[in-house]
Amino acid sequence: MKREKARRQKVKQRRFSMIRDFQLADVVTLLNGFAGMGAVLATMKFLAEGTPGFLWLAFALLPCALIFDVADGRIARWRRKSSPLGQELDSLADLVSFGVAPASLAFALGMQGGWDAAVLIYFVACGISRLARYNTTAAALADQAGKVKYFEGTPIPSSLLLVALLAILAANGLFGARLPLGEVLVGPWRFHPLVLLYALSGSAMISKTLRILKP
């Protein structure tokens, strides 16, 4: 009898539906991820063919990703509809657009040495850690209204400052063998000192002492 009752209750429970449970804000969040992945693919196409148009397409898509990232939060507040699903979607989309895509652009523009790759992997790992920490601590940092007043460490979209720098360098032909600060051989691997900006950016993301007021 108890088993039959439990079975009926389970049947009555509404199954999770990805489409049905989506909110408007979640759709906008996905557009963020689409733009970020588009930038990664455009970067790969530039590497494969050397066509400048694909590089500039990658640069153009990332500011679009930022617009979608800002818009999804405002839409959620306007409609007063948010969910744990939306929070996870936001973090995953941000990782692609502001973690993987900027690292891919750095690699495509010449930071391809072994030490460069290690730094770029570190940068993405910091982005992953930053987003995971925010998701697990947001409730504790929120005020009575449920709003988080500040970020611990720099938010991951700050990586667009690096993207802007790369765009300026690319516009002036300063990429590949012409990267500023040149290239050095450290042990068995090549190293471009410029990649240290990615190390600094990643370290700032995971900082516990650096606090940035949230708008």
C-alpha atoms as a PDB file:
ATOM      1  CA  MET A   1       0.000   0.000   0.000  1.00  0.00           C
ATOM      2  CA  LYS A   2       2.764   2.420   0.978  1.00  0.00           C
ATOM      3  CA  ARG A   3       4.722   1.522  -2.137  1.00  0.00           C
ATOM      4  CA  GLU A   4       1.708   2.147  -4.345  1.00  0.00           C
ATOM      5  CA  LYS A   5       1.088   5.512  -2.693  1.00  0.00           C
ATOM      6  CA  ALA A   6       4.711   6.536  -3.133  1.00  0.00           C
ATOM      7  CA  ARG A   7       4.551   5.491  -6.787  1.00  0.00           C
ATOM      8  CA  ARG A   8       1.461   7.610  -7.402  1.00  0.00           C
ATOM      9  CA  GLN A   9       3.033  10.638  -5.728  1.00  0.00           C
ATOM     10  CA  LYS A  10       6.100  10.246  -7.909  1.00  0.00           C
ATOM     11  CA  VAL A  11       3.951  10.109 -11.034  1.00  0.00           C
ATOM     12  CA  LYS A  12       2.151  13.274  -9.969  1.00  0.00           C
ATOM     13  CA  GLN A  13       5.415  15.186  -9.651  1.00  0.00           C
ATOM     14  CA  ARG A  14       6.000  17.330 -12.699  1.00  0.00           C
ATOM     15  CA  ARG A  15       9.103  16.276 -14.552  1.00  0.00           C
ATOM     16  CA  PHE A  16      11.732  18.910 -15.214  1.00  0.00           C
ATOM     17  CA  SER A  17      11.390  20.283 -18.728  1.00  0.00           C
ATOM     18  CA  MET A  18      14.258  22.356 -20.080  1.00  0.00           C
ATOM     19  CA  ILE A  19      12.032  24.274 -22.517  1.00  0.00           C
ATOM     20  CA  ARG A  20       8.973  24.669 -20.274  1.00  0.00           C
ATOM     21  CA  ASP A  21      10.979  25.899 -17.292  1.00  0.00           C
ATOM     22  CA  PHE A  22      12.954  28.463 -19.275  1.00  0.00           C
ATOM     23  CA  GLN A  23      12.418  32.127 -18.432  1.00  0.00           C
ATOM     24  CA  LEU A  24      13.006  35.051 -20.786  1.00  0.00           C
ATOM     25  CA  ALA A  25      16.152  35.915 -18.844  1.00  0.00           C
ATOM     26  CA  ASP A  26      17.461  32.380 -19.429  1.00  0.00           C
ATOM     27  CA  VAL A  27      17.068  32.774 -23.187  1.00  0.00           C
ATOM     28  CA  VAL A  28      19.100  35.987 -23.060  1.00  0.00           C
ATOM     29  CA  THR A  29      21.729  34.182 -20.983  1.00  0.00           C
ATOM     30  CA  LEU A  30      21.989  31.556 -23.705  1.00  0.00           C
ATOM     31  CA  LEU A  31      22.580  34.327 -26.241  1.00  0.00           C
ATOM     32  CA  ASN A  32      25.578  35.287 -24.114  1.00  0.00           C
ATOM     33  CA  GLY A  33      26.895  31.729 -24.428  1.00  0.00           C
ATOM     34  CA  PHE A  34      26.140  31.633 -28.157  1.00  0.00           C
ATOM     35  CA  ALA A  35      28.134  34.823 -28.698  1.00  0.00           C
ATOM     36  CA  GLY A  36      31.042  33.470 -26.676  1.00  0.00           C
ATOM     37  CA  MET A  37      31.126  30.167 -28.540  1.00  0.00           C
ATOM     38  CA  GLY A  38      30.802  32.033 -31.814  1.00  0.00           C
ATOM     39  CA  ALA A  39      33.892  34.018 -30.857  1.00  0.00           C
ATOM     40  CA  VAL A  40      35.800  30.795 -30.116  1.00  0.00           C
ATOM     41  CA  LEU A  41      34.839  29.282 -33.476  1.00  0.00           C
ATOM     42  CA  ALA A  42      35.693  32.499 -35.332  1.00  0.00           C
ATOM     43  CA  THR A  43      39.087  32.493 -33.618  1.00  0.00           C
ATOM     44  CA  MET A  44      39.694  28.906 -34.709  1.00  0.00           C
ATOM     45  CA  LYS A  45      38.706  29.823 -38.258  1.00  0.00           C
ATOM     46  CA  PHE A  46      41.208  32.701 -38.181  1.00  0.00           C
ATOM     47  CA  LEU A  47      43.924  30.288 -37.031  1.00  0.00           C
ATOM     48  CA  ALA A  48      43.040  27.817 -39.778  1.00  0.00           C
ATOM     49  CA  GLU A  49      42.731  30.265 -42.680  1.00  0.00           C
ATOM     50  CA  GLY A  50      44.389  33.493 -41.533  1.00  0.00           C
ATOM     51  CA  THR A  51      41.374  35.522 -42.701  1.00  0.00           C
ATOM     52  CA  PRO A  52      41.297  38.790 -40.680  1.00  0.00           C
ATOM     53  CA  GLY A  53      37.524  39.022 -40.944  1.00  0.00           C
ATOM     54  CA  PHE A  54      37.073  36.055 -38.640  1.00  0.00           C
ATOM     55  CA  LEU A  55      39.375  37.613 -36.053  1.00  0.00           C
ATOM     56  CA  TRP A  56      37.340  40.812 -36.034  1.00  0.00           C
ATOM     57  CA  LEU A  57      34.139  38.804 -35.860  1.00  0.00           C
ATOM     58  CA  ALA A  58      35.489  37.196 -32.673  1.00  0.00           C
ATOM     59  CA  PHE A  59      36.344  40.598 -31.226  1.00  0.00           C
ATOM     60  CA  ALA A  60      32.869  41.938 -32.106  1.00  0.00           C
ATOM     61  CA  LEU A  61      30.962  39.036 -30.571  1.00  0.00           C
ATOM     62  CA  LEU A  62      32.410  39.429 -27.082  1.00  0.00           C
ATOM     63  CA  PRO A  63      30.973  42.906 -26.386  1.00  0.00           C
ATOM     64  CA  CYS A  64      27.650  41.453 -27.565  1.00  0.00           C
ATOM     65  CA  ALA A  65      28.083  38.710 -24.971  1.00  0.00           C
ATOM     66  CA  LEU A  66      28.590  41.381 -22.301  1.00  0.00           C
ATOM     67  CA  ILE A  67      25.387  43.151 -23.363  1.00  0.00           C
ATOM     68  CA  PHE A  68      23.455  39.893 -23.024  1.00  0.00           C
ATOM     69  CA  ASP A  69      25.131  39.212 -19.670  1.00  0.00           C
ATOM     70  CA  VAL A  70      23.970  42.557 -18.292  1.00  0.00           C
ATOM     71  CA  ALA A  71      20.530  42.282 -19.872  1.00  0.00           C
ATOM     72  CA  ASP A  72      19.632  38.880 -18.435  1.00  0.00           C
ATOM     73  CA  GLY A  73      19.960  40.099 -14.841  1.00  0.00           C
ATOM     74  CA  ARG A  74      17.889  43.192 -15.531  1.00  0.00           C
ATOM     75  CA  ILE A  75      15.197  41.145 -17.248  1.00  0.00           C
ATOM     76  CA  ALA A  76      15.075  38.711 -14.321  1.00  0.00           C
ATOM     77  CA  ARG A  77      14.643  41.612 -11.862  1.00  0.00           C
ATOM     78  CA  TRP A  78      12.065  43.316 -14.083  1.00  0.00           C
ATOM     79  CA  ARG A  79       9.974  40.155 -14.394  1.00  0.00           C
ATOM     80  CA  ARG A  80      10.773  39.118 -10.817  1.00  0.00           C
ATOM     81  CA  LYS A  81      11.552  35.624 -12.044  1.00  0.00           C
ATOM     82  CA  SER A  82      14.851  33.968 -11.281  1.00  0.00           C
ATOM     83  CA  SER A  83      15.876  30.395 -10.584  1.00  0.00           C
ATOM     84  CA  PRO A  84      18.883  28.232  -9.660  1.00  0.00           C
ATOM     85  CA  LEU A  85      18.851  27.082 -13.292  1.00  0.00           C
ATOM     86  CA  GLY A  86      19.299  30.664 -14.456  1.00  0.00           C
ATOM     87  CA  GLN A  87      22.219  31.193 -12.069  1.00  0.00           C
ATOM     88  CA  GLU A  88      24.005  28.106 -13.360  1.00  0.00           C
ATOM     89  CA  LEU A  89      23.328  29.041 -16.979  1.00  0.00           C
ATOM     90  CA  ASP A  90      24.757  32.492 -16.334  1.00  0.00           C
ATOM     91  CA  SER A  91      27.987  31.108 -14.891  1.00  0.00           C
ATOM     92  CA  LEU A  92      28.483  28.590 -17.686  1.00  0.00           C
ATOM     93  CA  ALA A  93      27.838  31.186 -20.380  1.00  0.00           C
ATOM     94  CA  ASP A  94      30.224  33.632 -18.683  1.00  0.00           C
ATOM     95  CA  LEU A  95      32.932  30.976 -18.580  1.00  0.00           C
ATOM     96  CA  VAL A  96      32.750  30.509 -22.346  1.00  0.00           C
ATOM     97  CA  SER A  97      32.450  34.198 -23.248  1.00  0.00           C
ATOM     98  CA  PHE A  98      34.838  35.753 -20.724  1.00  0.00           C
ATOM     99  CA  GLY A  99      37.152  32.854 -19.928  1.00  0.00           C
ATOM    100  CA  VAL A 100      37.639  30.488 -22.852  1.00  0.00           C
ATOM    101  CA  ALA A 101      37.136  33.030 -25.659  1.00  0.00           C
ATOM    102  CA  PRO A 102      39.698  35.615 -24.380  1.00  0.00           C
ATOM    103  CA  ALA A 103      42.240  32.825 -23.823  1.00  0.00           C
ATOM    104  CA  SER A 104      41.613  31.537 -27.347  1.00  0.00           C
ATOM    105  CA  LEU A 105      42.199  35.005 -28.787  1.00  0.00           C
ATOM    106  CA  ALA A 106      45.505  35.316 -26.935  1.00  0.00           C
ATOM    107  CA  PHE A 107      46.633  31.979 -28.355  1.00  0.00           C
ATOM    108  CA  ALA A 108      45.535  32.914 -31.870  1.00  0.00           C
ATOM    109  CA  LEU A 109      47.452  36.199 -31.755  1.00  0.00           C
ATOM    110  CA  GLY A 110      50.741  34.525 -30.947  1.00  0.00           C
ATOM    111  CA  MET A 111      50.879  33.474 -27.288  1.00  0.00           C
ATOM    112  CA  GLN A 112      51.451  29.871 -28.282  1.00  0.00           C
ATOM    113  CA  GLY A 113      54.517  28.871 -26.282  1.00  0.00           C
ATOM    114  CA  GLY A 114      54.402  26.157 -23.646  1.00  0.00           C
ATOM    115  CA  TRP A 115      54.556  28.644 -20.773  1.00  0.00           C
ATOM    116  CA  ASP A 116      51.943  30.792 -22.516  1.00  0.00           C
ATOM    117  CA  ALA A 117      49.598  27.796 -22.655  1.00  0.00           C
ATOM    118  CA  ALA A 118      50.169  27.126 -18.952  1.00  0.00           C
ATOM    119  CA  VAL A 119      49.273  30.722 -18.072  1.00  0.00           C
ATOM    120  CA  LEU A 120      46.161  30.683 -20.279  1.00  0.00           C
ATOM    121  CA  ILE A 121      45.007  27.438 -18.660  1.00  0.00           C
ATOM    122  CA  TYR A 122      45.594  29.038 -15.261  1.00  0.00           C
ATOM    123  CA  PHE A 123      43.513  32.033 -16.361  1.00  0.00           C
ATOM    124  CA  VAL A 124      40.565  29.844 -17.365  1.00  0.00           C
ATOM    125  CA  ALA A 125      40.896  27.802 -14.159  1.00  0.00           C
ATOM    126  CA  CYS A 126      40.717  31.042 -12.160  1.00  0.00           C
ATOM    127  CA  GLY A 127      37.563  31.967 -14.058  1.00  0.00           C
ATOM    128  CA  ILE A 128      35.997  28.602 -13.218  1.00  0.00           C
ATOM    129  CA  SER A 129      36.949  28.999  -9.542  1.00  0.00           C
ATOM    130  CA  ARG A 130      35.689  32.584  -9.452  1.00  0.00           C
ATOM    131  CA  LEU A 131      32.257  31.636 -10.787  1.00  0.00           C
ATOM    132  CA  ALA A 132      31.957  28.580  -8.543  1.00  0.00           C
ATOM    133  CA  ARG A 133      32.836  30.649  -5.470  1.00  0.00           C
ATOM    134  CA  TYR A 134      30.265  33.296  -6.366  1.00  0.00           C
ATOM    135  CA  ASN A 135      27.533  30.686  -6.805  1.00  0.00           C
ATOM    136  CA  THR A 136      28.259  29.135  -3.415  1.00  0.00           C
ATOM    137  CA  THR A 137      28.723  32.378  -1.450  1.00  0.00           C
ATOM    138  CA  ALA A 138      26.159  34.703  -3.073  1.00  0.00           C
ATOM    139  CA  ALA A 139      23.479  33.830  -0.512  1.00  0.00           C
ATOM    140  CA  ALA A 140      25.820  34.581   2.388  1.00  0.00           C
ATOM    141  CA  LEU A 141      26.915  37.896   0.879  1.00  0.00           C
ATOM    142  CA  ALA A 142      23.377  39.074   0.027  1.00  0.00           C
ATOM    143  CA  ASP A 143      21.555  41.691   2.086  1.00  0.00           C
ATOM    144  CA  GLN A 144      17.990  41.412   3.363  1.00  0.00           C
ATOM    145  CA  ALA A 145      16.650  42.292  -0.068  1.00  0.00           C
ATOM    146  CA  GLY A 146      18.628  39.416  -1.566  1.00  0.00           C
ATOM    147  CA  LYS A 147      21.065  41.665  -3.422  1.00  0.00           C
ATOM    148  CA  VAL A 148      24.816  41.047  -3.359  1.00  0.00           C
ATOM    149  CA  LYS A 149      26.533  44.378  -2.691  1.00  0.00           C
ATOM    150  CA  TYR A 150      30.046  43.508  -3.801  1.00  0.00           C
ATOM    151  CA  PHE A 151      32.140  40.988  -5.687  1.00  0.00           C
ATOM    152  CA  GLU A 152      34.974  39.109  -4.005  1.00  0.00           C
ATOM    153  CA  GLY A 153      37.679  39.414  -6.626  1.00  0.00           C
ATOM    154  CA  THR A 154      37.152  40.986 -10.031  1.00  0.00           C
ATOM    155  CA  PRO A 155      34.123  39.712 -11.975  1.00  0.00           C
ATOM    156  CA  ILE A 156      35.028  37.519 -14.931  1.00  0.00           C
ATOM    157  CA  PRO A 157      33.692  39.990 -17.575  1.00  0.00           C
ATOM    158  CA  SER A 158      36.647  42.216 -16.617  1.00  0.00           C
ATOM    159  CA  SER A 159      38.639  40.001 -19.007  1.00  0.00           C
ATOM    160  CA  LEU A 160      37.184  42.124 -21.813  1.00  0.00           C
ATOM    161  CA  LEU A 161      39.841  44.692 -20.914  1.00  0.00           C
ATOM    162  CA  LEU A 162      42.387  42.150 -22.139  1.00  0.00           C
ATOM    163  CA  VAL A 163      40.305  41.571 -25.251  1.00  0.00           C
ATOM    164  CA  ALA A 164      40.249  45.322 -25.924  1.00  0.00           C
ATOM    165  CA  LEU A 165      44.043  45.419 -25.608  1.00  0.00           C
ATOM    166  CA  LEU A 166      44.394  42.520 -28.040  1.00  0.00           C
ATOM    167  CA  ALA A 167      42.091  44.287 -30.496  1.00  0.00           C
ATOM    168  CA  ILE A 168      44.275  47.419 -30.357  1.00  0.00           C
ATOM    169  CA  LEU A 169      47.405  45.337 -30.930  1.00  0.00           C
ATOM    170  CA  ALA A 170      45.781  43.474 -33.822  1.00  0.00           C
ATOM    171  CA  ALA A 171      44.640  46.727 -35.432  1.00  0.00           C
ATOM    172  CA  ASN A 172      48.249  47.894 -35.417  1.00  0.00           C
ATOM    173  CA  GLY A 173      49.657  44.625 -36.699  1.00  0.00           C
ATOM    174  CA  LEU A 174      51.297  43.812 -33.363  1.00  0.00           C
ATOM    175  CA  PHE A 175      50.601  40.095 -33.154  1.00  0.00           C
ATOM    176  CA  GLY A 176      52.374  36.867 -33.981  1.00  0.00           C
ATOM    177  CA  ALA A 177      56.103  37.522 -34.218  1.00  0.00           C
ATOM    178  CA  ARG A 178      55.482  41.237 -33.538  1.00  0.00           C
ATOM    179  CA  LEU A 179      53.879  40.883 -30.107  1.00  0.00           C
ATOM    180  CA  PRO A 180      55.062  43.609 -27.687  1.00  0.00           C
ATOM    181  CA  LEU A 181      57.760  42.551 -25.195  1.00  0.00           C
ATOM    182  CA  GLY A 182      58.891  39.840 -27.568  1.00  0.00           C
ATOM    183  CA  GLU A 183      59.547  36.201 -26.776  1.00  0.00           C
ATOM    184  CA  VAL A 184      62.020  34.404 -24.534  1.00  0.00           C
ATOM    185  CA  LEU A 185      63.012  30.779 -24.145  1.00  0.00           C
ATOM    186  CA  VAL A 186      62.621  29.525 -20.575  1.00  0.00           C
ATOM    187  CA  GLY A 187      63.845  25.960 -20.317  1.00  0.00           C
ATOM    188  CA  PRO A 188      62.271  23.874 -23.056  1.00  0.00           C
ATOM    189  CA  TRP A 189      59.344  26.226 -23.722  1.00  0.00           C
ATOM    190  CA  ARG A 190      58.766  29.634 -25.279  1.00  0.00           C
ATOM    191  CA  PHE A 191      57.295  32.434 -23.199  1.00  0.00           C
ATOM    192  CA  HIS A 192      55.744  35.777 -24.174  1.00  0.00           C
ATOM    193  CA  PRO A 193      55.897  38.208 -21.213  1.00  0.00           C
ATOM    194  CA  LEU A 194      52.655  39.814 -22.418  1.00  0.00           C
ATOM    195  CA  VAL A 195      50.765  36.730 -21.286  1.00  0.00           C
ATOM    196  CA  LEU A 196      51.470  37.737 -17.680  1.00  0.00           C
ATOM    197  CA  LEU A 197      48.521  40.125 -18.006  1.00  0.00           C
ATOM    198  CA  TYR A 198      46.347  37.019 -18.136  1.00  0.00           C
ATOM    199  CA  ALA A 199      48.029  35.683 -15.004  1.00  0.00           C
ATOM    200  CA  LEU A 200      47.313  38.975 -13.211  1.00  0.00           C
ATOM    201  CA  SER A 201      43.711  39.027 -14.402  1.00  0.00           C
ATOM    202  CA  GLY A 202      43.133  35.456 -13.250  1.00  0.00           C
ATOM    203  CA  SER A 203      44.733  36.112  -9.866  1.00  0.00           C
ATOM    204  CA  ALA A 204      42.556  39.198  -9.378  1.00  0.00           C
ATOM    205  CA  MET A 205      39.445  37.094 -10.032  1.00  0.00           C
ATOM    206  CA  ILE A 206      40.194  34.682  -7.207  1.00  0.00           C
ATOM    207  CA  SER A 207      41.397  37.305  -4.732  1.00  0.00           C
ATOM    208  CA  LYS A 208      39.635  37.245  -1.359  1.00  0.00           C
ATOM    209  CA  THR A 209      40.846  40.667  -0.263  1.00  0.00           C
ATOM    210  CA  LEU A 210      39.896  42.560  -3.428  1.00  0.00           C
ATOM    211  CA  ARG A 211      36.276  43.705  -3.215  1.00  0.00           C
ATOM    212  CA  ILE A 212      34.443  45.363  -6.103  1.00  0.00           C
ATOM    213  CA  LEU A 213      31.136  47.133  -5.500  1.00  0.00           C
ATOM    214  CA  LYS A 214      28.372  45.531  -7.552  1.00  0.00           C
ATOM    215  CA  PRO A 215      26.273  48.002  -9.567  1.00  0.00           C
END
